[in-house]
Amino acid sequence: MTPPEGFAADARVFEDPWQAQAFALVVELHARGAFTWSEWAAALSAQLHGPDHGGGESYYAAWLAALETLSVGKGLVDSPALARRKADWAQAYAHTPHGEPVELRAAGDLKRGAYSER
């Protein structure tokens, strides 16, 4: 496959793996009928043009925020569950040694202090 004009054959589309994962999740949720492209475009536009974007955030940070907002709005996840999962990832990240992959432990592990041992 030939890259679009102006792009090098080895150009990276995403800066980080999480960006590709967020992109793929949006595509998959749309394919499963969770939302329309019009709904997605409105959610992303609201993030990009909203007061919380701040201009310094990356495009994919706005993409992720739009995904979270749309997922809650469509009832795919509730706000408390989303907040808990984000907190779990933040804790896992904070307790993972530099250079190691960040892994989310089972909820029971969090209660037993699995991250405090690292």
N, C-alpha and C. Protein backbone atom coordinates (compact mmCIF):
# COMPACT_ATOMS: atom_id res chain seq x y z
N MET A 1 0.84 -1.17 0.00
CA MET A 1 0.00 0.00 0.00
C MET A 1 0.89 1.24 0.00
N THR A 2 0.58 2.18 -0.82
CA THR A 2 1.36 3.41 -0.94
C THR A 2 0.80 4.46 0.01
N PRO A 3 1.68 5.11 0.81
CA PRO A 3 1.18 6.15 1.73
C PRO A 3 0.66 7.35 0.94
N PRO A 4 -0.21 8.16 1.55
CA PRO A 4 -0.72 9.35 0.88
C PRO A 4 0.42 10.29 0.51
N GLU A 5 0.19 11.12 -0.48
CA GLU A 5 1.20 12.07 -0.92
C GLU A 5 1.61 12.96 0.25
N GLY A 6 2.91 13.17 0.40
CA GLY A 6 3.43 14.00 1.48
C GLY A 6 3.82 13.23 2.73
N PHE A 7 3.52 11.93 2.77
CA PHE A 7 3.87 11.11 3.92
C PHE A 7 4.98 10.14 3.54
N ALA A 8 5.95 10.00 4.41
CA ALA A 8 7.01 9.04 4.18
C ALA A 8 6.47 7.63 4.43
N ALA A 9 7.04 6.67 3.77
CA ALA A 9 6.57 5.29 3.90
C ALA A 9 6.67 4.79 5.34
N ASP A 10 7.63 5.31 6.09
CA ASP A 10 7.82 4.85 7.46
C ASP A 10 7.29 5.86 8.50
N ALA A 11 6.46 6.81 8.06
CA ALA A 11 5.92 7.82 8.96
C ALA A 11 4.99 7.18 9.99
N ARG A 12 5.09 7.66 11.23
CA ARG A 12 4.21 7.17 12.29
C ARG A 12 2.92 7.98 12.29
N VAL A 13 1.80 7.28 12.32
CA VAL A 13 0.51 7.95 12.39
C VAL A 13 0.20 8.34 13.83
N PHE A 14 0.59 7.49 14.77
CA PHE A 14 0.33 7.72 16.18
C PHE A 14 1.65 7.89 16.92
N GLU A 15 1.67 8.81 17.87
CA GLU A 15 2.88 9.02 18.67
C GLU A 15 3.06 7.93 19.71
N ASP A 16 1.95 7.44 20.26
CA ASP A 16 2.00 6.45 21.32
C ASP A 16 0.97 5.35 21.06
N PRO A 17 1.21 4.16 21.59
CA PRO A 17 0.26 3.05 21.37
C PRO A 17 -1.15 3.34 21.87
N TRP A 18 -1.31 4.09 22.96
CA TRP A 18 -2.65 4.36 23.48
C TRP A 18 -3.49 5.13 22.47
N GLN A 19 -2.85 5.94 21.63
CA GLN A 19 -3.58 6.69 20.62
C GLN A 19 -4.17 5.74 19.57
N ALA A 20 -3.39 4.77 19.16
CA ALA A 20 -3.89 3.78 18.20
C ALA A 20 -5.01 2.95 18.82
N GLN A 21 -4.88 2.64 20.10
CA GLN A 21 -5.91 1.85 20.78
C GLN A 21 -7.21 2.65 20.90
N ALA A 22 -7.11 3.92 21.23
CA ALA A 22 -8.31 4.76 21.32
C ALA A 22 -8.97 4.88 19.95
N PHE A 23 -8.16 5.06 18.91
CA PHE A 23 -8.68 5.14 17.56
C PHE A 23 -9.42 3.85 17.19
N ALA A 24 -8.78 2.72 17.46
CA ALA A 24 -9.39 1.42 17.12
C ALA A 24 -10.67 1.18 17.92
N LEU A 25 -10.70 1.62 19.15
CA LEU A 25 -11.90 1.44 19.97
C LEU A 25 -13.07 2.23 19.41
N VAL A 26 -12.82 3.45 18.96
CA VAL A 26 -13.88 4.26 18.35
C VAL A 26 -14.41 3.57 17.09
N VAL A 27 -13.50 3.09 16.25
CA VAL A 27 -13.92 2.41 15.02
C VAL A 27 -14.75 1.17 15.34
N GLU A 28 -14.30 0.38 16.33
CA GLU A 28 -15.02 -0.84 16.70
C GLU A 28 -16.39 -0.54 17.31
N LEU A 29 -16.45 0.44 18.20
CA LEU A 29 -17.73 0.79 18.80
C LEU A 29 -18.72 1.29 17.75
N HIS A 30 -18.23 2.05 16.79
CA HIS A 30 -19.10 2.47 15.69
C HIS A 30 -19.58 1.26 14.88
N ALA A 31 -18.66 0.36 14.57
CA ALA A 31 -19.01 -0.83 13.79
C ALA A 31 -20.08 -1.67 14.50
N ARG A 32 -20.06 -1.65 15.83
CA ARG A 32 -21.04 -2.42 16.62
C ARG A 32 -22.34 -1.64 16.85
N GLY A 33 -22.42 -0.44 16.29
CA GLY A 33 -23.65 0.34 16.39
C GLY A 33 -23.81 1.15 17.66
N ALA A 34 -22.73 1.35 18.41
CA ALA A 34 -22.81 2.09 19.66
C ALA A 34 -23.13 3.56 19.43
N PHE A 35 -22.67 4.10 18.31
CA PHE A 35 -22.96 5.49 17.94
C PHE A 35 -22.73 5.67 16.45
N THR A 36 -23.29 6.75 15.92
CA THR A 36 -23.11 7.06 14.50
C THR A 36 -21.87 7.93 14.31
N TRP A 37 -21.42 8.05 13.07
CA TRP A 37 -20.28 8.93 12.82
C TRP A 37 -20.65 10.38 13.09
N SER A 38 -21.92 10.73 12.85
CA SER A 38 -22.35 12.11 13.16
C SER A 38 -22.26 12.39 14.65
N GLU A 39 -22.66 11.42 15.47
CA GLU A 39 -22.55 11.58 16.92
C GLU A 39 -21.09 11.69 17.33
N TRP A 40 -20.25 10.85 16.72
CA TRP A 40 -18.82 10.90 17.04
C TRP A 40 -18.22 12.25 16.65
N ALA A 41 -18.54 12.72 15.46
CA ALA A 41 -18.00 14.00 14.99
C ALA A 41 -18.42 15.14 15.92
N ALA A 42 -19.66 15.12 16.38
CA ALA A 42 -20.14 16.16 17.30
C ALA A 42 -19.41 16.09 18.64
N ALA A 43 -19.21 14.87 19.15
CA ALA A 43 -18.51 14.71 20.43
C ALA A 43 -17.06 15.16 20.33
N LEU A 44 -16.38 14.78 19.25
CA LEU A 44 -14.98 15.18 19.07
C LEU A 44 -14.87 16.69 18.86
N SER A 45 -15.75 17.24 18.08
CA SER A 45 -15.74 18.68 17.83
C SER A 45 -15.95 19.45 19.13
N ALA A 46 -16.86 18.97 19.97
CA ALA A 46 -17.11 19.63 21.26
C ALA A 46 -15.84 19.63 22.11
N GLN A 47 -15.09 18.55 22.08
CA GLN A 47 -13.84 18.49 22.85
C GLN A 47 -12.78 19.41 22.27
N LEU A 48 -12.64 19.40 20.97
CA LEU A 48 -11.60 20.21 20.32
C LEU A 48 -11.86 21.70 20.46
N HIS A 49 -13.14 22.07 20.50
CA HIS A 49 -13.48 23.49 20.56
C HIS A 49 -13.95 23.93 21.95
N GLY A 50 -13.95 23.01 22.90
CA GLY A 50 -14.42 23.32 24.25
C GLY A 50 -13.35 23.99 25.09
N PRO A 51 -13.77 24.52 26.23
CA PRO A 51 -12.84 25.24 27.11
C PRO A 51 -11.79 24.33 27.76
N ASP A 52 -12.06 23.04 27.84
CA ASP A 52 -11.12 22.13 28.50
C ASP A 52 -9.96 21.70 27.60
N HIS A 53 -10.07 21.97 26.30
CA HIS A 53 -9.01 21.52 25.39
C HIS A 53 -7.71 22.28 25.61
N GLY A 54 -7.79 23.55 25.81
CA GLY A 54 -6.62 24.34 26.17
C GLY A 54 -5.58 24.53 25.09
N GLY A 55 -5.75 23.96 23.93
CA GLY A 55 -4.82 24.16 22.84
C GLY A 55 -3.53 23.38 22.94
N GLY A 56 -3.05 23.13 24.15
CA GLY A 56 -1.79 22.42 24.31
C GLY A 56 -1.96 20.91 24.30
N GLU A 57 -3.16 20.44 24.53
CA GLU A 57 -3.40 18.99 24.54
C GLU A 57 -3.25 18.44 23.13
N SER A 58 -2.91 17.19 23.09
CA SER A 58 -2.82 16.56 21.78
C SER A 58 -4.21 16.30 21.22
N TYR A 59 -4.25 16.10 19.94
CA TYR A 59 -5.49 15.75 19.26
C TYR A 59 -6.08 14.48 19.86
N TYR A 60 -5.24 13.52 20.16
CA TYR A 60 -5.75 12.26 20.68
C TYR A 60 -6.17 12.34 22.14
N ALA A 61 -5.70 13.32 22.89
CA ALA A 61 -6.24 13.55 24.23
C ALA A 61 -7.69 14.00 24.11
N ALA A 62 -7.97 14.86 23.14
CA ALA A 62 -9.35 15.28 22.87
C ALA A 62 -10.17 14.10 22.35
N TRP A 63 -9.55 13.26 21.54
CA TRP A 63 -10.19 12.05 21.01
C TRP A 63 -10.62 11.15 22.17
N LEU A 64 -9.73 10.94 23.13
CA LEU A 64 -10.03 10.09 24.27
C LEU A 64 -11.13 10.71 25.14
N ALA A 65 -11.06 12.01 25.36
CA ALA A 65 -12.09 12.69 26.15
C ALA A 65 -13.45 12.58 25.47
N ALA A 66 -13.48 12.71 24.15
CA ALA A 66 -14.73 12.56 23.40
C ALA A 66 -15.26 11.13 23.52
N LEU A 67 -14.37 10.16 23.46
CA LEU A 67 -14.77 8.75 23.61
C LEU A 67 -15.38 8.52 24.99
N GLU A 68 -14.75 9.05 26.03
CA GLU A 68 -15.27 8.89 27.39
C GLU A 68 -16.63 9.55 27.52
N THR A 69 -16.76 10.78 27.04
CA THR A 69 -18.02 11.52 27.15
C THR A 69 -19.14 10.81 26.39
N LEU A 70 -18.86 10.38 25.18
CA LEU A 70 -19.87 9.71 24.36
C LEU A 70 -20.24 8.35 24.97
N SER A 71 -19.26 7.63 25.49
CA SER A 71 -19.53 6.32 26.11
C SER A 71 -20.44 6.46 27.32
N VAL A 72 -20.20 7.47 28.14
CA VAL A 72 -21.07 7.72 29.30
C VAL A 72 -22.45 8.16 28.81
N GLY A 73 -22.48 9.08 27.86
CA GLY A 73 -23.75 9.59 27.35
C GLY A 73 -24.62 8.54 26.71
N LYS A 74 -24.00 7.55 26.09
CA LYS A 74 -24.74 6.48 25.43
C LYS A 74 -25.03 5.31 26.36
N GLY A 75 -24.56 5.40 27.60
CA GLY A 75 -24.81 4.34 28.56
C GLY A 75 -23.93 3.11 28.39
N LEU A 76 -22.81 3.26 27.69
CA LEU A 76 -21.88 2.14 27.51
C LEU A 76 -21.10 1.87 28.79
N VAL A 77 -20.92 2.90 29.60
CA VAL A 77 -20.24 2.81 30.89
C VAL A 77 -20.80 3.92 31.76
N ASP A 78 -20.84 3.71 33.07
CA ASP A 78 -21.30 4.81 33.92
C ASP A 78 -20.10 5.58 34.45
N SER A 79 -20.35 6.82 34.83
CA SER A 79 -19.27 7.71 35.27
C SER A 79 -18.46 7.15 36.43
N PRO A 80 -19.10 6.60 37.47
CA PRO A 80 -18.30 6.07 38.59
C PRO A 80 -17.38 4.92 38.16
N ALA A 81 -17.86 4.03 37.30
CA ALA A 81 -17.02 2.92 36.84
C ALA A 81 -15.84 3.44 36.01
N LEU A 82 -16.10 4.42 35.18
CA LEU A 82 -15.03 5.02 34.38
C LEU A 82 -14.00 5.70 35.28
N ALA A 83 -14.47 6.42 36.26
CA ALA A 83 -13.56 7.10 37.20
C ALA A 83 -12.71 6.09 37.97
N ARG A 84 -13.34 4.99 38.40
CA ARG A 84 -12.58 3.96 39.12
C ARG A 84 -11.50 3.35 38.23
N ARG A 85 -11.85 3.04 36.99
CA ARG A 85 -10.88 2.43 36.08
C ARG A 85 -9.73 3.38 35.79
N LYS A 86 -10.02 4.66 35.60
CA LYS A 86 -8.97 5.64 35.37
C LYS A 86 -8.05 5.75 36.59
N ALA A 87 -8.64 5.71 37.77
CA ALA A 87 -7.84 5.76 39.00
C ALA A 87 -6.97 4.51 39.13
N ASP A 88 -7.52 3.35 38.75
CA ASP A 88 -6.74 2.11 38.78
C ASP A 88 -5.52 2.22 37.87
N TRP A 89 -5.72 2.74 36.66
CA TRP A 89 -4.61 2.89 35.72
C TRP A 89 -3.59 3.89 36.23
N ALA A 90 -4.07 4.99 36.82
CA ALA A 90 -3.14 5.99 37.36
C ALA A 90 -2.29 5.39 38.48
N GLN A 91 -2.91 4.58 39.33
CA GLN A 91 -2.18 3.94 40.41
C GLN A 91 -1.17 2.93 39.85
N ALA A 92 -1.59 2.17 38.87
CA ALA A 92 -0.69 1.20 38.25
C ALA A 92 0.51 1.91 37.61
N TYR A 93 0.25 3.00 36.92
CA TYR A 93 1.31 3.77 36.27
C TYR A 93 2.29 4.32 37.31
N ALA A 94 1.74 4.85 38.39
CA ALA A 94 2.58 5.45 39.43
C ALA A 94 3.48 4.44 40.13
N HIS A 95 3.09 3.18 40.11
CA HIS A 95 3.84 2.15 40.82
C HIS A 95 4.58 1.18 39.90
N THR A 96 4.71 1.56 38.65
CA THR A 96 5.43 0.71 37.70
C THR A 96 6.82 1.31 37.48
N PRO A 97 7.87 0.52 37.64
CA PRO A 97 9.22 1.03 37.41
C PRO A 97 9.40 1.52 35.96
N HIS A 98 10.22 2.54 35.82
CA HIS A 98 10.49 3.11 34.50
C HIS A 98 10.96 2.02 33.54
N GLY A 99 10.39 2.03 32.35
CA GLY A 99 10.78 1.07 31.32
C GLY A 99 10.00 -0.23 31.35
N GLU A 100 9.26 -0.46 32.41
CA GLU A 100 8.44 -1.67 32.51
C GLU A 100 7.06 -1.40 31.92
N PRO A 101 6.41 -2.41 31.37
CA PRO A 101 5.04 -2.20 30.88
C PRO A 101 4.09 -1.99 32.06
N VAL A 102 3.15 -1.09 31.88
CA VAL A 102 2.16 -0.85 32.92
C VAL A 102 1.07 -1.91 32.79
N GLU A 103 0.80 -2.59 33.89
CA GLU A 103 -0.21 -3.64 33.90
C GLU A 103 -1.25 -3.32 34.95
N LEU A 104 -2.50 -3.49 34.57
CA LEU A 104 -3.58 -3.29 35.51
C LEU A 104 -3.87 -4.61 36.19
N ARG A 105 -3.68 -4.66 37.49
CA ARG A 105 -3.91 -5.87 38.27
C ARG A 105 -5.40 -6.06 38.50
N ALA A 106 -5.78 -7.24 38.92
CA ALA A 106 -7.18 -7.51 39.28
C ALA A 106 -7.58 -6.62 40.44
N ALA A 107 -8.87 -6.31 40.52
CA ALA A 107 -9.36 -5.41 41.57
C ALA A 107 -8.97 -5.91 42.96
N GLY A 108 -8.98 -7.21 43.17
CA GLY A 108 -8.59 -7.76 44.46
C GLY A 108 -7.13 -7.47 44.78
N ASP A 109 -6.29 -7.45 43.76
CA ASP A 109 -4.88 -7.14 43.98
C ASP A 109 -4.71 -5.70 44.47
N LEU A 110 -5.54 -4.80 43.96
CA LEU A 110 -5.44 -3.41 44.37
C LEU A 110 -5.75 -3.28 45.86
N LYS A 111 -6.73 -4.03 46.32
CA LYS A 111 -7.10 -3.96 47.73
C LYS A 111 -6.01 -4.54 48.61
N ARG A 112 -5.26 -5.50 48.07
CA ARG A 112 -4.18 -6.12 48.85
C ARG A 112 -2.88 -5.35 48.74
N GLY A 113 -2.88 -4.26 48.00
CA GLY A 113 -1.68 -3.43 47.90
C GLY A 113 -0.63 -3.98 46.95
N ALA A 114 -1.05 -4.56 45.83
CA ALA A 114 -0.11 -5.15 44.89
C ALA A 114 0.89 -4.11 44.37
N TYR A 115 0.47 -2.86 44.25
CA TYR A 115 1.36 -1.84 43.69
C TYR A 115 2.35 -1.31 44.72
N SER A 116 2.03 -1.43 45.96
CA SER A 116 2.91 -0.87 46.99
C SER A 116 4.20 -1.68 47.13
N GLU A 117 4.23 -2.89 46.59
CA GLU A 117 5.41 -3.73 46.71
C GLU A 117 6.48 -3.39 45.68
N ARG A 118 6.15 -2.64 44.66
CA ARG A 118 7.10 -2.34 43.59
C ARG A 118 7.98 -1.20 43.92
